[in-house]
N, C-alpha and C. Protein backbone atom coordinates (compact mmCIF):
# COMPACT_ATOMS: atom_id res chain seq x y z
N UNK A 1 5.05 -58.05 -12.27
CA UNK A 1 5.61 -59.35 -11.96
C UNK A 1 6.90 -59.51 -12.76
N UNK A 2 7.96 -60.02 -12.14
CA UNK A 2 9.23 -60.17 -12.86
C UNK A 2 9.13 -61.20 -13.98
N UNK A 3 9.89 -60.96 -15.03
CA UNK A 3 9.93 -61.91 -16.14
C UNK A 3 10.70 -63.15 -15.71
N UNK A 4 10.23 -64.32 -16.15
CA UNK A 4 10.90 -65.57 -15.80
C UNK A 4 11.83 -65.96 -16.94
N UNK A 5 13.10 -66.11 -16.61
CA UNK A 5 14.11 -66.49 -17.60
C UNK A 5 14.43 -67.96 -17.46
N UNK A 6 14.43 -68.67 -18.58
CA UNK A 6 14.77 -70.09 -18.57
C UNK A 6 16.25 -70.22 -18.92
N UNK A 7 17.09 -70.42 -17.89
CA UNK A 7 18.53 -70.54 -18.06
C UNK A 7 18.96 -72.00 -17.99
N UNK A 8 18.10 -72.91 -18.37
CA UNK A 8 18.39 -74.33 -18.19
C UNK A 8 19.55 -74.81 -19.05
N UNK A 9 19.84 -74.15 -20.14
CA UNK A 9 20.95 -74.59 -20.98
C UNK A 9 22.22 -73.79 -20.75
N UNK A 10 22.20 -72.92 -19.77
CA UNK A 10 23.34 -72.04 -19.53
C UNK A 10 24.60 -72.81 -19.19
N UNK A 11 24.48 -73.92 -18.48
CA UNK A 11 25.65 -74.68 -18.07
C UNK A 11 25.71 -76.06 -18.71
N UNK A 12 25.01 -76.24 -19.82
CA UNK A 12 24.99 -77.57 -20.43
C UNK A 12 26.30 -77.85 -21.15
N UNK A 13 26.69 -79.10 -21.17
CA UNK A 13 27.92 -79.54 -21.82
C UNK A 13 27.55 -80.06 -23.20
N UNK A 14 28.00 -79.40 -24.25
CA UNK A 14 27.64 -79.78 -25.62
C UNK A 14 28.24 -81.11 -26.02
N UNK A 15 29.24 -81.62 -25.31
CA UNK A 15 29.86 -82.89 -25.65
C UNK A 15 29.15 -84.07 -25.01
N UNK A 16 28.16 -83.82 -24.20
CA UNK A 16 27.48 -84.88 -23.48
C UNK A 16 26.53 -85.62 -24.41
N UNK A 17 26.64 -86.95 -24.44
CA UNK A 17 25.75 -87.76 -25.27
C UNK A 17 24.62 -88.34 -24.45
N UNK A 18 24.63 -88.12 -23.15
CA UNK A 18 23.59 -88.63 -22.28
C UNK A 18 22.67 -87.49 -21.90
N UNK A 19 21.37 -87.68 -22.13
CA UNK A 19 20.39 -86.67 -21.78
C UNK A 19 19.68 -87.11 -20.51
N UNK A 20 20.05 -86.53 -19.39
CA UNK A 20 19.46 -86.88 -18.12
C UNK A 20 18.41 -85.83 -17.79
N UNK A 21 17.18 -86.29 -17.60
CA UNK A 21 16.08 -85.38 -17.29
C UNK A 21 16.14 -85.00 -15.82
N UNK A 22 16.20 -83.71 -15.56
CA UNK A 22 16.22 -83.21 -14.19
C UNK A 22 15.11 -82.18 -14.06
N UNK A 23 14.57 -82.08 -12.86
CA UNK A 23 13.59 -81.04 -12.61
C UNK A 23 14.29 -79.69 -12.54
N UNK A 24 13.61 -78.69 -13.03
CA UNK A 24 14.17 -77.35 -12.98
C UNK A 24 13.93 -76.73 -11.62
N UNK A 25 14.88 -75.93 -11.21
CA UNK A 25 14.79 -75.18 -9.96
C UNK A 25 14.49 -73.73 -10.30
N UNK A 26 13.83 -73.07 -9.40
CA UNK A 26 13.52 -71.66 -9.58
C UNK A 26 14.45 -70.85 -8.68
N UNK A 27 15.21 -69.95 -9.28
CA UNK A 27 16.11 -69.07 -8.54
C UNK A 27 15.49 -67.67 -8.57
N UNK A 28 15.23 -67.13 -7.39
CA UNK A 28 14.67 -65.79 -7.26
C UNK A 28 15.76 -64.86 -6.72
N UNK A 29 16.02 -63.78 -7.44
CA UNK A 29 17.03 -62.83 -7.00
C UNK A 29 16.35 -61.58 -6.43
N UNK A 30 17.05 -60.93 -5.52
CA UNK A 30 16.56 -59.74 -4.83
C UNK A 30 17.69 -58.73 -4.78
N UNK A 31 17.35 -57.44 -4.64
CA UNK A 31 18.40 -56.42 -4.62
C UNK A 31 19.27 -56.44 -3.36
N UNK A 32 18.73 -56.93 -2.24
CA UNK A 32 19.50 -56.89 -0.99
C UNK A 32 19.42 -58.22 -0.25
N UNK A 33 20.42 -58.47 0.56
CA UNK A 33 20.43 -59.66 1.40
C UNK A 33 19.26 -59.63 2.38
N UNK A 34 18.91 -58.45 2.87
CA UNK A 34 17.78 -58.31 3.78
C UNK A 34 16.50 -58.86 3.14
N UNK A 35 16.27 -58.54 1.86
CA UNK A 35 15.08 -59.03 1.16
C UNK A 35 15.15 -60.54 0.92
N UNK A 36 16.35 -61.07 0.66
CA UNK A 36 16.51 -62.52 0.51
C UNK A 36 16.09 -63.22 1.79
N UNK A 37 16.59 -62.74 2.91
CA UNK A 37 16.29 -63.37 4.20
C UNK A 37 14.82 -63.21 4.58
N UNK A 38 14.23 -62.05 4.27
CA UNK A 38 12.80 -61.84 4.54
C UNK A 38 11.95 -62.77 3.69
N UNK A 39 12.33 -62.96 2.43
CA UNK A 39 11.59 -63.86 1.55
C UNK A 39 11.71 -65.30 2.03
N UNK A 40 12.92 -65.70 2.43
CA UNK A 40 13.10 -67.06 2.95
C UNK A 40 12.21 -67.28 4.17
N UNK A 41 12.21 -66.34 5.09
CA UNK A 41 11.40 -66.47 6.31
C UNK A 41 9.91 -66.58 5.96
N UNK A 42 9.44 -65.71 5.07
CA UNK A 42 8.02 -65.72 4.70
C UNK A 42 7.64 -67.05 4.04
N UNK A 43 8.48 -67.56 3.15
CA UNK A 43 8.18 -68.83 2.48
C UNK A 43 8.17 -69.99 3.47
N UNK A 44 9.14 -70.02 4.38
CA UNK A 44 9.19 -71.10 5.38
C UNK A 44 8.00 -71.03 6.33
N UNK A 45 7.63 -69.83 6.74
CA UNK A 45 6.53 -69.67 7.68
C UNK A 45 5.16 -69.89 7.04
N UNK A 46 5.12 -69.94 5.70
CA UNK A 46 3.85 -70.17 5.01
C UNK A 46 3.32 -71.57 5.31
N UNK A 47 4.22 -72.50 5.61
CA UNK A 47 3.82 -73.88 5.88
C UNK A 47 3.46 -74.67 4.63
N UNK A 48 3.58 -74.06 3.47
CA UNK A 48 3.25 -74.72 2.21
C UNK A 48 4.44 -75.58 1.77
N UNK A 49 4.26 -76.89 1.74
CA UNK A 49 5.35 -77.80 1.37
C UNK A 49 5.80 -77.61 -0.07
N UNK A 50 4.93 -77.04 -0.90
CA UNK A 50 5.29 -76.79 -2.30
C UNK A 50 6.21 -75.59 -2.45
N UNK A 51 6.36 -74.81 -1.40
CA UNK A 51 7.21 -73.62 -1.45
C UNK A 51 8.50 -73.81 -0.67
N UNK A 52 8.98 -75.06 -0.60
CA UNK A 52 10.24 -75.33 0.09
C UNK A 52 11.35 -74.57 -0.60
N UNK A 53 12.22 -73.97 0.20
CA UNK A 53 13.26 -73.11 -0.36
C UNK A 53 14.50 -73.13 0.52
N UNK A 54 15.54 -72.49 -0.01
CA UNK A 54 16.76 -72.27 0.78
C UNK A 54 17.48 -71.08 0.17
N UNK A 55 18.24 -70.37 1.00
CA UNK A 55 19.09 -69.32 0.43
C UNK A 55 20.26 -69.99 -0.28
N UNK A 56 20.71 -69.40 -1.33
CA UNK A 56 21.80 -69.98 -2.12
C UNK A 56 22.61 -68.85 -2.75
N UNK A 57 23.89 -69.07 -3.00
CA UNK A 57 24.65 -68.06 -3.73
C UNK A 57 24.03 -67.86 -5.12
N UNK A 58 23.96 -66.64 -5.56
CA UNK A 58 23.41 -66.36 -6.88
C UNK A 58 24.34 -66.93 -7.94
N UNK A 59 23.82 -67.80 -8.81
CA UNK A 59 24.68 -68.34 -9.88
C UNK A 59 25.21 -67.21 -10.76
N UNK A 60 26.43 -67.37 -11.26
CA UNK A 60 27.03 -66.33 -12.10
C UNK A 60 26.14 -65.98 -13.29
N UNK A 61 26.05 -64.69 -13.56
CA UNK A 61 25.32 -64.23 -14.73
C UNK A 61 23.82 -64.02 -14.54
N UNK A 62 23.28 -64.37 -13.37
CA UNK A 62 21.83 -64.22 -13.19
C UNK A 62 21.44 -62.86 -12.65
N UNK A 63 22.32 -62.18 -11.99
CA UNK A 63 21.98 -60.89 -11.39
C UNK A 63 23.22 -60.02 -11.30
N UNK A 64 22.99 -58.73 -11.46
CA UNK A 64 24.09 -57.78 -11.29
C UNK A 64 24.09 -57.18 -9.89
N UNK A 65 23.21 -57.66 -9.04
CA UNK A 65 23.13 -57.16 -7.67
C UNK A 65 24.39 -57.53 -6.91
N UNK A 66 24.82 -56.64 -6.04
CA UNK A 66 26.00 -56.93 -5.23
C UNK A 66 25.66 -57.84 -4.05
N UNK A 67 24.39 -58.16 -3.88
CA UNK A 67 23.94 -58.99 -2.76
C UNK A 67 24.64 -60.35 -2.76
N UNK A 68 24.66 -61.02 -3.91
CA UNK A 68 25.34 -62.30 -4.01
C UNK A 68 24.55 -63.50 -3.53
N UNK A 69 23.36 -63.29 -2.99
CA UNK A 69 22.54 -64.40 -2.51
C UNK A 69 21.19 -64.36 -3.22
N UNK A 70 20.55 -65.52 -3.27
CA UNK A 70 19.24 -65.67 -3.92
C UNK A 70 18.45 -66.70 -3.13
N UNK A 71 17.22 -66.91 -3.53
CA UNK A 71 16.37 -67.96 -2.96
C UNK A 71 16.17 -69.02 -4.02
N UNK A 72 16.37 -70.26 -3.64
CA UNK A 72 16.10 -71.38 -4.54
C UNK A 72 14.81 -72.05 -4.09
N UNK A 73 13.83 -72.09 -4.99
CA UNK A 73 12.60 -72.85 -4.76
C UNK A 73 12.85 -74.21 -5.40
N UNK A 74 12.73 -75.27 -4.62
CA UNK A 74 13.12 -76.60 -5.09
C UNK A 74 12.30 -77.08 -6.27
N UNK A 75 11.07 -76.66 -6.38
CA UNK A 75 10.22 -77.10 -7.48
C UNK A 75 9.93 -75.91 -8.40
N UNK A 76 10.54 -75.91 -9.58
CA UNK A 76 10.29 -74.85 -10.55
C UNK A 76 8.85 -74.78 -10.99
N UNK A 77 8.13 -75.89 -10.79
CA UNK A 77 6.71 -75.93 -11.17
C UNK A 77 5.87 -75.00 -10.30
N UNK A 78 6.41 -74.56 -9.19
CA UNK A 78 5.67 -73.70 -8.26
C UNK A 78 5.98 -72.22 -8.48
N UNK A 79 6.55 -71.88 -9.63
CA UNK A 79 6.99 -70.50 -9.84
C UNK A 79 5.85 -69.50 -9.68
N UNK A 80 4.69 -69.77 -10.26
CA UNK A 80 3.59 -68.81 -10.19
C UNK A 80 3.11 -68.61 -8.76
N UNK A 81 2.94 -69.70 -8.03
CA UNK A 81 2.45 -69.57 -6.65
C UNK A 81 3.50 -68.94 -5.75
N UNK A 82 4.78 -69.24 -5.97
CA UNK A 82 5.84 -68.64 -5.15
C UNK A 82 5.93 -67.14 -5.39
N UNK A 83 5.89 -66.74 -6.64
CA UNK A 83 5.99 -65.31 -6.96
C UNK A 83 4.75 -64.57 -6.45
N UNK A 84 3.57 -65.14 -6.64
CA UNK A 84 2.35 -64.50 -6.14
C UNK A 84 2.41 -64.35 -4.62
N UNK A 85 2.85 -65.41 -3.93
CA UNK A 85 2.96 -65.36 -2.47
C UNK A 85 3.89 -64.23 -2.04
N UNK A 86 5.05 -64.14 -2.69
CA UNK A 86 6.02 -63.11 -2.31
C UNK A 86 5.51 -61.70 -2.62
N UNK A 87 4.86 -61.53 -3.76
CA UNK A 87 4.30 -60.21 -4.10
C UNK A 87 3.23 -59.83 -3.10
N UNK A 88 2.39 -60.78 -2.71
CA UNK A 88 1.35 -60.53 -1.71
C UNK A 88 1.95 -60.09 -0.37
N UNK A 89 3.19 -60.52 -0.10
CA UNK A 89 3.89 -60.16 1.13
C UNK A 89 4.88 -59.01 0.92
N UNK A 90 4.69 -58.29 -0.19
CA UNK A 90 5.52 -57.12 -0.52
C UNK A 90 7.01 -57.45 -0.61
N UNK A 91 7.30 -58.63 -1.17
CA UNK A 91 8.68 -59.08 -1.34
C UNK A 91 8.92 -59.51 -2.79
N UNK A 92 8.59 -58.63 -3.73
CA UNK A 92 8.71 -58.98 -5.14
C UNK A 92 10.17 -59.18 -5.54
N UNK A 93 10.48 -60.34 -6.11
CA UNK A 93 11.86 -60.58 -6.56
C UNK A 93 12.23 -59.69 -7.74
N UNK A 94 13.50 -59.38 -7.85
CA UNK A 94 13.96 -58.57 -8.99
C UNK A 94 14.21 -59.44 -10.22
N UNK A 95 14.36 -60.75 -10.02
CA UNK A 95 14.57 -61.66 -11.14
C UNK A 95 14.10 -63.07 -10.80
N UNK A 96 13.64 -63.78 -11.83
CA UNK A 96 13.18 -65.16 -11.69
C UNK A 96 13.84 -65.97 -12.80
N UNK A 97 14.50 -67.06 -12.42
CA UNK A 97 15.28 -67.83 -13.38
C UNK A 97 15.05 -69.33 -13.17
N UNK A 98 14.70 -70.04 -14.24
CA UNK A 98 14.58 -71.49 -14.17
C UNK A 98 15.92 -72.08 -14.59
N UNK A 99 16.51 -72.91 -13.73
CA UNK A 99 17.80 -73.53 -14.03
C UNK A 99 17.73 -75.03 -13.74
N UNK A 100 18.61 -75.77 -14.39
CA UNK A 100 18.69 -77.22 -14.15
C UNK A 100 19.35 -77.51 -12.82
């Protein structure tokens, strides 16, 4: 199972005096665009509302893959079930990142 990286402070502004609580998103990276699209299709077809997702450009610094696309799971709280679902469907992500 891929290691989950918490990148929530990667883009934080140190000058900000306001602490706004936001839910974390789960970004799953894959080696190829084909795998990104297959993972998106599998998650959407699962019918599980907790696994809502969308393809998204890979945020800078999260992956060295030339693919450039990733899957965003809207609820970071679903990371374990999303990863298990994808592994069960032979679509293991190459990286898992929690971001704000």
